Amino acid sequence: MNTKEIGEYGEDCAAKYVAELGYRVLERNWRYKKAEIDLIAMDGETLIIIEVKTRSYQWYGQPEDSINTKKEAFLIDAANRYMEQINHDWELRFDIISVLIQKSGAPQIKHYQDAFFGGL
């Protein structure tokens, strides 16, 4: 698999995972300026912005280790725009889903709820 295919596979796994949790996926790969929100979902009345990081190896750390404050700022900006677009003015949460593809091809998923604070 190339990098794009690995990313798409991880996002597919993450979307399936959150659906199994009972979340309703609203958007996939929603873009605003330089930011892309991998998944936008609802858990009850809570809007969840989900960043998915997928790797097929751990040589440079866990997938979630690659999320820095600059990426968080892009996600916060995009989340603000999305909330304006849909007139959402209640609870918001930022989650990270880490997908590590095992040698067997099976995904190892870690879900970090409230991974960072958006300051909204």
PDB file of N, CA and C in Angstrom:
ATOM      1  N   MET A   1       0.845  -1.190   0.000  1.00  0.00           N
ATOM      2  CA  MET A   1       0.000   0.000   0.000  1.00  0.00           C
ATOM      3  C   MET A   1       0.881   1.240   0.000  1.00  0.00           C
ATOM      4  N   ASN A   2       0.466   2.240  -0.755  1.00  0.00           N
ATOM      5  CA  ASN A   2       1.178   3.509  -0.699  1.00  0.00           C
ATOM      6  C   ASN A   2       0.597   4.363   0.432  1.00  0.00           C
ATOM      7  N   THR A   3       1.197   5.510   0.678  1.00  0.00           N
ATOM      8  CA  THR A   3       0.799   6.368   1.800  1.00  0.00           C
ATOM      9  C   THR A   3      -0.669   6.779   1.724  1.00  0.00           C
ATOM     10  N   LYS A   4      -1.137   7.137   0.526  1.00  0.00           N
ATOM     11  CA  LYS A   4      -2.537   7.549   0.357  1.00  0.00           C
ATOM     12  C   LYS A   4      -3.477   6.394   0.694  1.00  0.00           C
ATOM     13  N   GLU A   5      -3.161   5.205   0.217  1.00  0.00           N
ATOM     14  CA  GLU A   5      -3.998   4.026   0.488  1.00  0.00           C
ATOM     15  C   GLU A   5      -4.004   3.686   1.977  1.00  0.00           C
ATOM     16  N   ILE A   6      -2.859   3.828   2.622  1.00  0.00           N
ATOM     17  CA  ILE A   6      -2.781   3.571   4.064  1.00  0.00           C
ATOM     18  C   ILE A   6      -3.683   4.539   4.813  1.00  0.00           C
ATOM     19  N   GLY A   7      -3.624   5.823   4.432  1.00  0.00           N
ATOM     20  CA  GLY A   7      -4.472   6.834   5.068  1.00  0.00           C
ATOM     21  C   GLY A   7      -5.953   6.564   4.861  1.00  0.00           C
ATOM     22  N   GLU A   8      -6.327   6.198   3.645  1.00  0.00           N
ATOM     23  CA  GLU A   8      -7.736   5.896   3.352  1.00  0.00           C
ATOM     24  C   GLU A   8      -8.204   4.667   4.125  1.00  0.00           C
ATOM     25  N   TYR A   9      -7.351   3.654   4.198  1.00  0.00           N
ATOM     26  CA  TYR A   9      -7.689   2.452   4.956  1.00  0.00           C
ATOM     27  C   TYR A   9      -7.916   2.802   6.431  1.00  0.00           C
ATOM     28  N   GLY A  10      -7.024   3.619   6.992  1.00  0.00           N
ATOM     29  CA  GLY A  10      -7.168   4.035   8.389  1.00  0.00           C
ATOM     30  C   GLY A  10      -8.451   4.809   8.628  1.00  0.00           C
ATOM     31  N   GLU A  11      -8.787   5.709   7.709  1.00  0.00           N
ATOM     32  CA  GLU A  11     -10.021   6.482   7.853  1.00  0.00           C
ATOM     33  C   GLU A  11     -11.249   5.581   7.728  1.00  0.00           C
ATOM     34  N   ASP A  12     -11.197   4.603   6.828  1.00  0.00           N
ATOM     35  CA  ASP A  12     -12.299   3.641   6.724  1.00  0.00           C
ATOM     36  C   ASP A  12     -12.464   2.867   8.031  1.00  0.00           C
ATOM     37  N   CYS A  13     -11.352   2.411   8.596  1.00  0.00           N
ATOM     38  CA  CYS A  13     -11.387   1.671   9.869  1.00  0.00           C
ATOM     39  C   CYS A  13     -11.939   2.548  10.986  1.00  0.00           C
ATOM     40  N   ALA A  14     -11.489   3.809  11.034  1.00  0.00           N
ATOM     41  CA  ALA A  14     -11.941   4.731  12.067  1.00  0.00           C
ATOM     42  C   ALA A  14     -13.435   5.036  11.930  1.00  0.00           C
ATOM     43  N   ALA A  15     -13.906   5.241  10.701  1.00  0.00           N
ATOM     44  CA  ALA A  15     -15.331   5.515  10.472  1.00  0.00           C
ATOM     45  C   ALA A  15     -16.175   4.322  10.916  1.00  0.00           C
ATOM     46  N   LYS A  16     -15.723   3.131  10.590  1.00  0.00           N
ATOM     47  CA  LYS A  16     -16.446   1.929  11.011  1.00  0.00           C
ATOM     48  C   LYS A  16     -16.437   1.810  12.537  1.00  0.00           C
ATOM     49  N   TYR A  17     -15.297   2.080  13.142  1.00  0.00           N
ATOM     50  CA  TYR A  17     -15.140   2.000  14.594  1.00  0.00           C
ATOM     51  C   TYR A  17     -16.110   2.955  15.310  1.00  0.00           C
ATOM     52  N   VAL A  18     -16.153   4.235  14.887  1.00  0.00           N
ATOM     53  CA  VAL A  18     -17.033   5.181  15.573  1.00  0.00           C
ATOM     54  C   VAL A  18     -18.506   4.869  15.316  1.00  0.00           C
ATOM     55  N   ALA A  19     -18.814   4.350  14.138  1.00  0.00           N
ATOM     56  CA  ALA A  19     -20.202   3.944  13.856  1.00  0.00           C
ATOM     57  C   ALA A  19     -20.613   2.815  14.798  1.00  0.00           C
ATOM     58  N   GLU A  20     -19.690   1.900  15.053  1.00  0.00           N
ATOM     59  CA  GLU A  20     -19.980   0.805  15.988  1.00  0.00           C
ATOM     60  C   GLU A  20     -20.157   1.311  17.415  1.00  0.00           C
ATOM     61  N   LEU A  21     -19.555   2.461  17.735  1.00  0.00           N
ATOM     62  CA  LEU A  21     -19.750   3.083  19.049  1.00  0.00           C
ATOM     63  C   LEU A  21     -21.105   3.784  19.141  1.00  0.00           C
ATOM     64  N   GLY A  22     -21.777   3.920  18.004  1.00  0.00           N
ATOM     65  CA  GLY A  22     -23.071   4.593  17.986  1.00  0.00           C
ATOM     66  C   GLY A  22     -23.001   6.040  17.521  1.00  0.00           C
ATOM     67  N   TYR A  23     -21.826   6.498  17.090  1.00  0.00           N
ATOM     68  CA  TYR A  23     -21.702   7.858  16.568  1.00  0.00           C
ATOM     69  C   TYR A  23     -22.323   7.895  15.175  1.00  0.00           C
ATOM     70  N   ARG A  24     -22.805   9.069  14.814  1.00  0.00           N
ATOM     71  CA  ARG A  24     -23.337   9.281  13.467  1.00  0.00           C
ATOM     72  C   ARG A  24     -22.315  10.103  12.691  1.00  0.00           C
ATOM     73  N   VAL A  25     -21.723   9.503  11.670  1.00  0.00           N
ATOM     74  CA  VAL A  25     -20.717  10.199  10.861  1.00  0.00           C
ATOM     75  C   VAL A  25     -21.433  11.172   9.926  1.00  0.00           C
ATOM     76  N   LEU A  26     -21.060  12.456  10.043  1.00  0.00           N
ATOM     77  CA  LEU A  26     -21.672  13.505   9.223  1.00  0.00           C
ATOM     78  C   LEU A  26     -20.853  13.820   7.980  1.00  0.00           C
ATOM     79  N   GLU A  27     -19.530  13.826   8.133  1.00  0.00           N
ATOM     80  CA  GLU A  27     -18.643  14.220   7.035  1.00  0.00           C
ATOM     81  C   GLU A  27     -17.368  13.399   7.092  1.00  0.00           C
ATOM     82  N   ARG A  28     -16.779  13.215   5.914  1.00  0.00           N
ATOM     83  CA  ARG A  28     -15.443  12.632   5.803  1.00  0.00           C
ATOM     84  C   ARG A  28     -14.613  13.556   4.923  1.00  0.00           C
ATOM     85  N   ASN A  29     -13.399  13.813   5.352  1.00  0.00           N
ATOM     86  CA  ASN A  29     -12.453  14.647   4.602  1.00  0.00           C
ATOM     87  C   ASN A  29     -13.021  16.026   4.269  1.00  0.00           C
ATOM     88  N   TRP A  30     -13.586  16.682   5.274  1.00  0.00           N
ATOM     89  CA  TRP A  30     -14.152  18.023   5.100  1.00  0.00           C
ATOM     90  C   TRP A  30     -13.015  19.034   5.117  1.00  0.00           C
ATOM     91  N   ARG A  31     -12.992  19.913   4.112  1.00  0.00           N
ATOM     92  CA  ARG A  31     -11.874  20.860   3.957  1.00  0.00           C
ATOM     93  C   ARG A  31     -12.299  22.300   4.204  1.00  0.00           C
ATOM     94  N   TYR A  32     -11.358  23.025   4.837  1.00  0.00           N
ATOM     95  CA  TYR A  32     -11.484  24.467   4.985  1.00  0.00           C
ATOM     96  C   TYR A  32     -10.070  25.044   4.955  1.00  0.00           C
ATOM     97  N   LYS A  33      -9.792  25.868   3.972  1.00  0.00           N
ATOM     98  CA  LYS A  33      -8.462  26.432   3.757  1.00  0.00           C
ATOM     99  C   LYS A  33      -7.417  25.322   3.746  1.00  0.00           C
ATOM    100  N   LYS A  34      -6.406  25.412   4.638  1.00  0.00           N
ATOM    101  CA  LYS A  34      -5.333  24.415   4.655  1.00  0.00           C
ATOM    102  C   LYS A  34      -5.678  23.196   5.511  1.00  0.00           C
ATOM    103  N   ALA A  35      -6.811  23.227   6.165  1.00  0.00           N
ATOM    104  CA  ALA A  35      -7.167  22.151   7.089  1.00  0.00           C
ATOM    105  C   ALA A  35      -8.113  21.150   6.440  1.00  0.00           C
ATOM    106  N   GLU A  36      -7.936  19.920   6.834  1.00  0.00           N
ATOM    107  CA  GLU A  36      -8.882  18.875   6.459  1.00  0.00           C
ATOM    108  C   GLU A  36      -9.258  18.144   7.729  1.00  0.00           C
ATOM    109  N   ILE A  37     -10.568  18.035   7.957  1.00  0.00           N
ATOM    110  CA  ILE A  37     -11.051  17.259   9.091  1.00  0.00           C
ATOM    111  C   ILE A  37     -11.366  15.875   8.558  1.00  0.00           C
ATOM    112  N   ASP A  38     -10.698  14.868   9.117  1.00  0.00           N
ATOM    113  CA  ASP A  38     -10.859  13.507   8.613  1.00  0.00           C
ATOM    114  C   ASP A  38     -12.279  12.999   8.800  1.00  0.00           C
ATOM    115  N   LEU A  39     -12.799  13.118  10.010  1.00  0.00           N
ATOM    116  CA  LEU A  39     -14.167  12.681  10.301  1.00  0.00           C
ATOM    117  C   LEU A  39     -14.859  13.717  11.177  1.00  0.00           C
ATOM    118  N   ILE A  40     -16.105  13.972  10.879  1.00  0.00           N
ATOM    119  CA  ILE A  40     -16.959  14.785  11.740  1.00  0.00           C
ATOM    120  C   ILE A  40     -18.145  13.906  12.081  1.00  0.00           C
ATOM    121  N   ALA A  41     -18.402  13.792  13.380  1.00  0.00           N
ATOM    122  CA  ALA A  41     -19.459  12.882  13.821  1.00  0.00           C
ATOM    123  C   ALA A  41     -20.261  13.519  14.957  1.00  0.00           C
ATOM    124  N   MET A  42     -21.398  12.927  15.215  1.00  0.00           N
ATOM    125  CA  MET A  42     -22.222  13.317  16.358  1.00  0.00           C
ATOM    126  C   MET A  42     -22.316  12.129  17.306  1.00  0.00           C
ATOM    127  N   ASP A  43     -22.146  12.408  18.578  1.00  0.00           N
ATOM    128  CA  ASP A  43     -22.383  11.437  19.646  1.00  0.00           C
ATOM    129  C   ASP A  43     -23.440  12.069  20.529  1.00  0.00           C
ATOM    130  N   GLY A  44     -24.689  11.702  20.290  1.00  0.00           N
ATOM    131  CA  GLY A  44     -25.789  12.391  20.958  1.00  0.00           C
ATOM    132  C   GLY A  44     -25.842  13.816  20.455  1.00  0.00           C
ATOM    133  N   GLU A  45     -25.704  14.774  21.376  1.00  0.00           N
ATOM    134  CA  GLU A  45     -25.717  16.198  21.013  1.00  0.00           C
ATOM    135  C   GLU A  45     -24.311  16.773  20.867  1.00  0.00           C
ATOM    136  N   THR A  46     -23.296  15.939  20.989  1.00  0.00           N
ATOM    137  CA  THR A  46     -21.916  16.406  20.929  1.00  0.00           C
ATOM    138  C   THR A  46     -21.350  16.262  19.519  1.00  0.00           C
ATOM    139  N   LEU A  47     -20.851  17.375  18.982  1.00  0.00           N
ATOM    140  CA  LEU A  47     -20.173  17.361  17.693  1.00  0.00           C
ATOM    141  C   LEU A  47     -18.732  16.955  17.954  1.00  0.00           C
ATOM    142  N   ILE A  48     -18.242  15.980  17.193  1.00  0.00           N
ATOM    143  CA  ILE A  48     -16.898  15.470  17.411  1.00  0.00           C
ATOM    144  C   ILE A  48     -16.077  15.660  16.142  1.00  0.00           C
ATOM    145  N   ILE A  49     -14.955  16.336  16.313  1.00  0.00           N
ATOM    146  CA  ILE A  49     -13.980  16.526  15.242  1.00  0.00           C
ATOM    147  C   ILE A  49     -12.924  15.451  15.474  1.00  0.00           C
ATOM    148  N   ILE A  50     -12.730  14.586  14.482  1.00  0.00           N
ATOM    149  CA  ILE A  50     -11.836  13.440  14.667  1.00  0.00           C
ATOM    150  C   ILE A  50     -10.673  13.509  13.685  1.00  0.00           C
ATOM    151  N   GLU A  51      -9.476  13.524  14.243  1.00  0.00           N
ATOM    152  CA  GLU A  51      -8.257  13.439  13.447  1.00  0.00           C
ATOM    153  C   GLU A  51      -7.812  11.981  13.462  1.00  0.00           C
ATOM    154  N   VAL A  52      -7.636  11.401  12.286  1.00  0.00           N
ATOM    155  CA  VAL A  52      -7.221  10.003  12.158  1.00  0.00           C
ATOM    156  C   VAL A  52      -5.772   9.977  11.691  1.00  0.00           C
ATOM    157  N   LYS A  53      -4.937   9.257  12.405  1.00  0.00           N
ATOM    158  CA  LYS A  53      -3.540   9.074  12.007  1.00  0.00           C
ATOM    159  C   LYS A  53      -3.282   7.588  11.844  1.00  0.00           C
ATOM    160  N   THR A  54      -2.760   7.216  10.694  1.00  0.00           N
ATOM    161  CA  THR A  54      -2.536   5.803  10.373  1.00  0.00           C
ATOM    162  C   THR A  54      -1.084   5.584   9.984  1.00  0.00           C
ATOM    163  N   ARG A  55      -0.542   4.495  10.476  1.00  0.00           N
ATOM    164  CA  ARG A  55       0.820   4.100  10.121  1.00  0.00           C
ATOM    165  C   ARG A  55       0.847   2.584   9.926  1.00  0.00           C
ATOM    166  N   SER A  56       1.786   2.145   9.123  1.00  0.00           N
ATOM    167  CA  SER A  56       1.965   0.705   8.939  1.00  0.00           C
ATOM    168  C   SER A  56       3.225   0.231   9.659  1.00  0.00           C
ATOM    169  N   TYR A  57       3.850   1.138  10.395  1.00  0.00           N
ATOM    170  CA  TYR A  57       5.058   0.806  11.163  1.00  0.00           C
ATOM    171  C   TYR A  57       5.180   1.803  12.315  1.00  0.00           C
ATOM    172  N   GLN A  58       6.061   1.489  13.268  1.00  0.00           N
ATOM    173  CA  GLN A  58       6.243   2.349  14.440  1.00  0.00           C
ATOM    174  C   GLN A  58       7.664   2.912  14.535  1.00  0.00           C
ATOM    175  N   TRP A  59       8.407   2.877  13.462  1.00  0.00           N
ATOM    176  CA  TRP A  59       9.804   3.304  13.500  1.00  0.00           C
ATOM    177  C   TRP A  59       9.974   4.710  14.062  1.00  0.00           C
ATOM    178  N   TYR A  60       9.046   5.591  13.766  1.00  0.00           N
ATOM    179  CA  TYR A  60       9.162   6.985  14.205  1.00  0.00           C
ATOM    180  C   TYR A  60       8.143   7.324  15.287  1.00  0.00           C
ATOM    181  N   GLY A  61       7.680   6.323  16.021  1.00  0.00           N
ATOM    182  CA  GLY A  61       6.717   6.555  17.083  1.00  0.00           C
ATOM    183  C   GLY A  61       5.317   6.126  16.678  1.00  0.00           C
ATOM    184  N   GLN A  62       4.402   6.358  17.581  1.00  0.00           N
ATOM    185  CA  GLN A  62       3.002   6.008  17.362  1.00  0.00           C
ATOM    186  C   GLN A  62       2.361   6.993  16.388  1.00  0.00           C
ATOM    187  N   PRO A  63       1.325   6.578  15.680  1.00  0.00           N
ATOM    188  CA  PRO A  63       0.682   7.481  14.714  1.00  0.00           C
ATOM    189  C   PRO A  63       0.250   8.814  15.331  1.00  0.00           C
ATOM    190  N   GLU A  64      -0.316   8.760  16.533  1.00  0.00           N
ATOM    191  CA  GLU A  64      -0.836   9.968  17.187  1.00  0.00           C
ATOM    192  C   GLU A  64       0.267  10.957  17.575  1.00  0.00           C
ATOM    193  N   ASP A  65       1.518  10.492  17.626  1.00  0.00           N
ATOM    194  CA  ASP A  65       2.633  11.370  17.988  1.00  0.00           C
ATOM    195  C   ASP A  65       2.877  12.466  16.963  1.00  0.00           C
ATOM    196  N   SER A  66       2.352  12.311  15.766  1.00  0.00           N
ATOM    197  CA  SER A  66       2.605  13.287  14.704  1.00  0.00           C
ATOM    198  C   SER A  66       1.673  14.500  14.758  1.00  0.00           C
ATOM    199  N   ILE A  67       0.755  14.529  15.694  1.00  0.00           N
ATOM    200  CA  ILE A  67      -0.171  15.663  15.798  1.00  0.00           C
ATOM    201  C   ILE A  67       0.457  16.719  16.702  1.00  0.00           C
ATOM    202  N   ASN A  68       0.697  17.891  16.122  1.00  0.00           N
ATOM    203  CA  ASN A  68       1.336  18.968  16.867  1.00  0.00           C
ATOM    204  C   ASN A  68       0.377  20.141  17.053  1.00  0.00           C
ATOM    205  N   THR A  69       0.846  21.182  17.717  1.00  0.00           N
ATOM    206  CA  THR A  69      -0.022  22.329  17.996  1.00  0.00           C
ATOM    207  C   THR A  69      -0.456  23.048  16.722  1.00  0.00           C
ATOM    208  N   LYS A  70       0.382  23.031  15.691  1.00  0.00           N
ATOM    209  CA  LYS A  70      -0.007  23.652  14.418  1.00  0.00           C
ATOM    210  C   LYS A  70      -1.191  22.905  13.806  1.00  0.00           C
ATOM    211  N   LYS A  71      -1.150  21.576  13.818  1.00  0.00           N
ATOM    212  CA  LYS A  71      -2.256  20.764  13.300  1.00  0.00           C
ATOM    213  C   LYS A  71      -3.515  21.015  14.130  1.00  0.00           C
ATOM    214  N   GLU A  72      -3.357  21.094  15.450  1.00  0.00           N
ATOM    215  CA  GLU A  72      -4.496  21.379  16.320  1.00  0.00           C
ATOM    216  C   GLU A  72      -5.127  22.722  15.958  1.00  0.00           C
ATOM    217  N   ALA A  73      -4.295  23.730  15.711  1.00  0.00           N
ATOM    218  CA  ALA A  73      -4.809  25.062  15.362  1.00  0.00           C
ATOM    219  C   ALA A  73      -5.596  25.023  14.055  1.00  0.00           C
ATOM    220  N   PHE A  74      -5.091  24.293  13.054  1.00  0.00           N
ATOM    221  CA  PHE A  74      -5.835  24.142  11.797  1.00  0.00           C
ATOM    222  C   PHE A  74      -7.187  23.479  12.049  1.00  0.00           C
ATOM    223  N   LEU A  75      -7.202  22.438  12.876  1.00  0.00           N
ATOM    224  CA  LEU A  75      -8.456  21.730  13.169  1.00  0.00           C
ATOM    225  C   LEU A  75      -9.440  22.626  13.914  1.00  0.00           C
ATOM    226  N   ILE A  76      -8.951  23.412  14.847  1.00  0.00           N
ATOM    227  CA  ILE A  76      -9.813  24.325  15.598  1.00  0.00           C
ATOM    228  C   ILE A  76     -10.429  25.353  14.654  1.00  0.00           C
ATOM    229  N   ASP A  77      -9.621  25.916  13.770  1.00  0.00           N
ATOM    230  CA  ASP A  77     -10.116  26.895  12.798  1.00  0.00           C
ATOM    231  C   ASP A  77     -11.183  26.272  11.901  1.00  0.00           C
ATOM    232  N   ALA A  78     -10.904  25.082  11.393  1.00  0.00           N
ATOM    233  CA  ALA A  78     -11.866  24.399  10.530  1.00  0.00           C
ATOM    234  C   ALA A  78     -13.133  24.043  11.304  1.00  0.00           C
ATOM    235  N   ALA A  79     -12.983  23.615  12.553  1.00  0.00           N
ATOM    236  CA  ALA A  79     -14.153  23.279  13.374  1.00  0.00           C
ATOM    237  C   ALA A  79     -15.037  24.505  13.574  1.00  0.00           C
ATOM    238  N   ASN A  80     -14.430  25.664  13.830  1.00  0.00           N
ATOM    239  CA  ASN A  80     -15.205  26.903  13.964  1.00  0.00           C
ATOM    240  C   ASN A  80     -16.017  27.180  12.712  1.00  0.00           C
ATOM    241  N   ARG A  81     -15.379  27.041  11.556  1.00  0.00           N
ATOM    242  CA  ARG A  81     -16.064  27.293  10.278  1.00  0.00           C
ATOM    243  C   ARG A  81     -17.209  26.292  10.081  1.00  0.00           C
ATOM    244  N   TYR A  82     -16.950  25.022  10.376  1.00  0.00           N
ATOM    245  CA  TYR A  82     -17.987  24.007  10.203  1.00  0.00           C
ATOM    246  C   TYR A  82     -19.171  24.289  11.124  1.00  0.00           C
ATOM    247  N   MET A  83     -18.884  24.664  12.365  1.00  0.00           N
ATOM    248  CA  MET A  83     -19.966  24.961  13.314  1.00  0.00           C
ATOM    249  C   MET A  83     -20.802  26.134  12.832  1.00  0.00           C
ATOM    250  N   GLU A  84     -20.148  27.150  12.280  1.00  0.00           N
ATOM    251  CA  GLU A  84     -20.884  28.291  11.713  1.00  0.00           C
ATOM    252  C   GLU A  84     -21.769  27.829  10.564  1.00  0.00           C
ATOM    253  N   GLN A  85     -21.220  26.970   9.720  1.00  0.00           N
ATOM    254  CA  GLN A  85     -21.937  26.502   8.529  1.00  0.00           C
ATOM    255  C   GLN A  85     -23.214  25.738   8.897  1.00  0.00           C
ATOM    256  N   ILE A  86     -23.166  24.948   9.954  1.00  0.00           N
ATOM    257  CA  ILE A  86     -24.341  24.138  10.314  1.00  0.00           C
ATOM    258  C   ILE A  86     -25.125  24.725  11.492  1.00  0.00           C
ATOM    259  N   ASN A  87     -24.722  25.925  11.945  1.00  0.00           N
ATOM    260  CA  ASN A  87     -25.369  26.579  13.086  1.00  0.00           C
ATOM    261  C   ASN A  87     -25.330  25.724  14.352  1.00  0.00           C
ATOM    262  N   HIS A  88     -24.204  25.097  14.583  1.00  0.00           N
ATOM    263  CA  HIS A  88     -24.011  24.267  15.777  1.00  0.00           C
ATOM    264  C   HIS A  88     -23.431  25.148  16.872  1.00  0.00           C
ATOM    265  N   ASP A  89     -24.117  25.250  18.003  1.00  0.00           N
ATOM    266  CA  ASP A  89     -23.596  26.107  19.067  1.00  0.00           C
ATOM    267  C   ASP A  89     -23.621  25.416  20.428  1.00  0.00           C
ATOM    268  N   TRP A  90     -23.540  24.103  20.411  1.00  0.00           N
ATOM    269  CA  TRP A  90     -23.474  23.394  21.680  1.00  0.00           C
ATOM    270  C   TRP A  90     -22.181  22.603  21.756  1.00  0.00           C
ATOM    271  N   GLU A  91     -22.151  21.541  22.485  1.00  0.00           N
ATOM    272  CA  GLU A  91     -20.904  20.861  22.830  1.00  0.00           C
ATOM    273  C   GLU A  91     -20.079  20.401  21.631  1.00  0.00           C
ATOM    274  N   LEU A  92     -18.761  20.569  21.780  1.00  0.00           N
ATOM    275  CA  LEU A  92     -17.792  20.190  20.760  1.00  0.00           C
ATOM    276  C   LEU A  92     -16.654  19.443  21.438  1.00  0.00           C
ATOM    277  N   ARG A  93     -16.154  18.419  20.763  1.00  0.00           N
ATOM    278  CA  ARG A  93     -15.048  17.628  21.297  1.00  0.00           C
ATOM    279  C   ARG A  93     -14.071  17.305  20.174  1.00  0.00           C
ATOM    280  N   PHE A  94     -12.790  17.293  20.509  1.00  0.00           N
ATOM    281  CA  PHE A  94     -11.745  16.915  19.558  1.00  0.00           C
ATOM    282  C   PHE A  94     -11.172  15.566  19.971  1.00  0.00           C
ATOM    283  N   ASP A  95     -11.281  14.585  19.094  1.00  0.00           N
ATOM    284  CA  ASP A  95     -10.752  13.244  19.347  1.00  0.00           C
ATOM    285  C   ASP A  95      -9.644  12.922  18.356  1.00  0.00           C
ATOM    286  N   ILE A  96      -8.792  12.000  18.747  1.00  0.00           N
ATOM    287  CA  ILE A  96      -7.780  11.451  17.853  1.00  0.00           C
ATOM    288  C   ILE A  96      -7.994   9.946  17.804  1.00  0.00           C
ATOM    289  N   ILE A  97      -7.976   9.406  16.607  1.00  0.00           N
ATOM    290  CA  ILE A  97      -8.005   7.951  16.439  1.00  0.00           C
ATOM    291  C   ILE A  97      -6.714   7.556  15.741  1.00  0.00           C
ATOM    292  N   SER A  98      -5.976   6.694  16.418  1.00  0.00           N
ATOM    293  CA  SER A  98      -4.704   6.187  15.920  1.00  0.00           C
ATOM    294  C   SER A  98      -4.939   4.781  15.376  1.00  0.00           C
ATOM    295  N   VAL A  99      -4.482   4.549  14.148  1.00  0.00           N
ATOM    296  CA  VAL A  99      -4.623   3.234  13.521  1.00  0.00           C
ATOM    297  C   VAL A  99      -3.231   2.747  13.144  1.00  0.00           C
ATOM    298  N   LEU A 100      -2.838   1.637  13.739  1.00  0.00           N
ATOM    299  CA  LEU A 100      -1.565   1.004  13.405  1.00  0.00           C
ATOM    300  C   LEU A 100      -1.891  -0.298  12.687  1.00  0.00           C
ATOM    301  N   ILE A 101      -1.445  -0.401  11.446  1.00  0.00           N
ATOM    302  CA  ILE A 101      -1.745  -1.588  10.651  1.00  0.00           C
ATOM    303  C   ILE A 101      -0.734  -2.676  11.003  1.00  0.00           C
ATOM    304  N   GLN A 102      -1.255  -3.778  11.518  1.00  0.00           N
ATOM    305  CA  GLN A 102      -0.415  -4.907  11.902  1.00  0.00           C
ATOM    306  C   GLN A 102       0.098  -5.628  10.653  1.00  0.00           C
ATOM    307  N   LYS A 103       1.103  -6.455  10.819  1.00  0.00           N
ATOM    308  CA  LYS A 103       1.648  -7.213   9.684  1.00  0.00           C
ATOM    309  C   LYS A 103       0.583  -8.077   9.024  1.00  0.00           C
ATOM    310  N   SER A 104      -0.403  -8.517   9.806  1.00  0.00           N
ATOM    311  CA  SER A 104      -1.492  -9.333   9.271  1.00  0.00           C
ATOM    312  C   SER A 104      -2.473  -8.500   8.442  1.00  0.00           C
ATOM    313  N   GLY A 105      -2.346  -7.166   8.546  1.00  0.00           N
ATOM    314  CA  GLY A 105      -3.275  -6.272   7.857  1.00  0.00           C
ATOM    315  C   GLY A 105      -4.393  -5.784   8.755  1.00  0.00           C
ATOM    316  N   ALA A 106      -4.509  -6.384   9.933  1.00  0.00           N
ATOM    317  CA  ALA A 106      -5.559  -5.981  10.878  1.00  0.00           C
ATOM    318  C   ALA A 106      -5.196  -4.644  11.524  1.00  0.00           C
ATOM    319  N   PRO A 107      -6.189  -3.779  11.733  1.00  0.00           N
ATOM    320  CA  PRO A 107      -5.910  -2.489  12.356  1.00  0.00           C
ATOM    321  C   PRO A 107      -5.898  -2.588  13.884  1.00  0.00           C
ATOM    322  N   GLN A 108      -4.945  -1.914  14.498  1.00  0.00           N
ATOM    323  CA  GLN A 108      -4.936  -1.743  15.951  1.00  0.00           C
ATOM    324  C   GLN A 108      -5.375  -0.307  16.189  1.00  0.00           C
ATOM    325  N   ILE A 109      -6.525  -0.131  16.825  1.00  0.00           N
ATOM    326  CA  ILE A 109      -7.116   1.200  16.965  1.00  0.00           C
ATOM    327  C   ILE A 109      -7.012   1.670  18.410  1.00  0.00           C
ATOM    328  N   LYS A 110      -6.558   2.929  18.570  1.00  0.00           N
ATOM    329  CA  LYS A 110      -6.576   3.606  19.865  1.00  0.00           C
ATOM    330  C   LYS A 110      -7.410   4.864  19.683  1.00  0.00           C
ATOM    331  N   HIS A 111      -8.302   5.105  20.622  1.00  0.00           N
ATOM    332  CA  HIS A 111      -9.206   6.252  20.539  1.00  0.00           C
ATOM    333  C   HIS A 111      -8.939   7.158  21.734  1.00  0.00           C
ATOM    334  N   TYR A 112      -8.578   8.393  21.445  1.00  0.00           N
ATOM    335  CA  TYR A 112      -8.312   9.387  22.485  1.00  0.00           C
ATOM    336  C   TYR A 112      -9.435  10.418  22.451  1.00  0.00           C
ATOM    337  N   GLN A 113     -10.366  10.300  23.395  1.00  0.00           N
ATOM    338  CA  GLN A 113     -11.447  11.281  23.482  1.00  0.00           C
ATOM    339  C   GLN A 113     -10.928  12.521  24.176  1.00  0.00           C
ATOM    340  N   ASP A 114     -11.460  13.683  23.791  1.00  0.00           N
ATOM    341  CA  ASP A 114     -11.006  14.958  24.366  1.00  0.00           C
ATOM    342  C   ASP A 114      -9.488  15.052  24.300  1.00  0.00           C
ATOM    343  N   ALA A 115      -8.929  14.756  23.145  1.00  0.00           N
ATOM    344  CA  ALA A 115      -7.475  14.698  22.972  1.00  0.00           C
ATOM    345  C   ALA A 115      -6.819  16.062  23.178  1.00  0.00           C
ATOM    346  N   PHE A 116      -7.505  17.118  22.828  1.00  0.00           N
ATOM    347  CA  PHE A 116      -7.003  18.464  23.084  1.00  0.00           C
ATOM    348  C   PHE A 116      -8.183  19.407  23.201  1.00  0.00           C
ATOM    349  N   PHE A 117      -7.928  20.557  23.777  1.00  0.00           N
ATOM    350  CA  PHE A 117      -8.974  21.542  24.032  1.00  0.00           C
ATOM    351  C   PHE A 117      -8.953  22.593  22.949  1.00  0.00           C
ATOM    352  N   GLY A 118     -10.111  22.810  22.347  1.00  0.00           N
ATOM    353  CA  GLY A 118     -10.196  23.752  21.245  1.00  0.00           C
ATOM    354  C   GLY A 118     -10.287  25.200  21.640  1.00  0.00           C
ATOM    355  N   GLY A 119     -10.546  25.464  22.918  1.00  0.00           N
ATOM    356  CA  GLY A 119     -10.637  26.834  23.371  1.00  0.00           C
ATOM    357  C   GLY A 119     -11.742  27.628  22.740  1.00  0.00           C
ATOM    358  N   LEU A 120     -12.819  26.945  22.345  1.00  0.00           N
ATOM    359  CA  LEU A 120     -13.916  27.621  21.647  1.00  0.00           C
ATOM    360  C   LEU A 120     -14.865  28.259  22.636  1.00  0.00           C
TER     361      LEU A 120
END
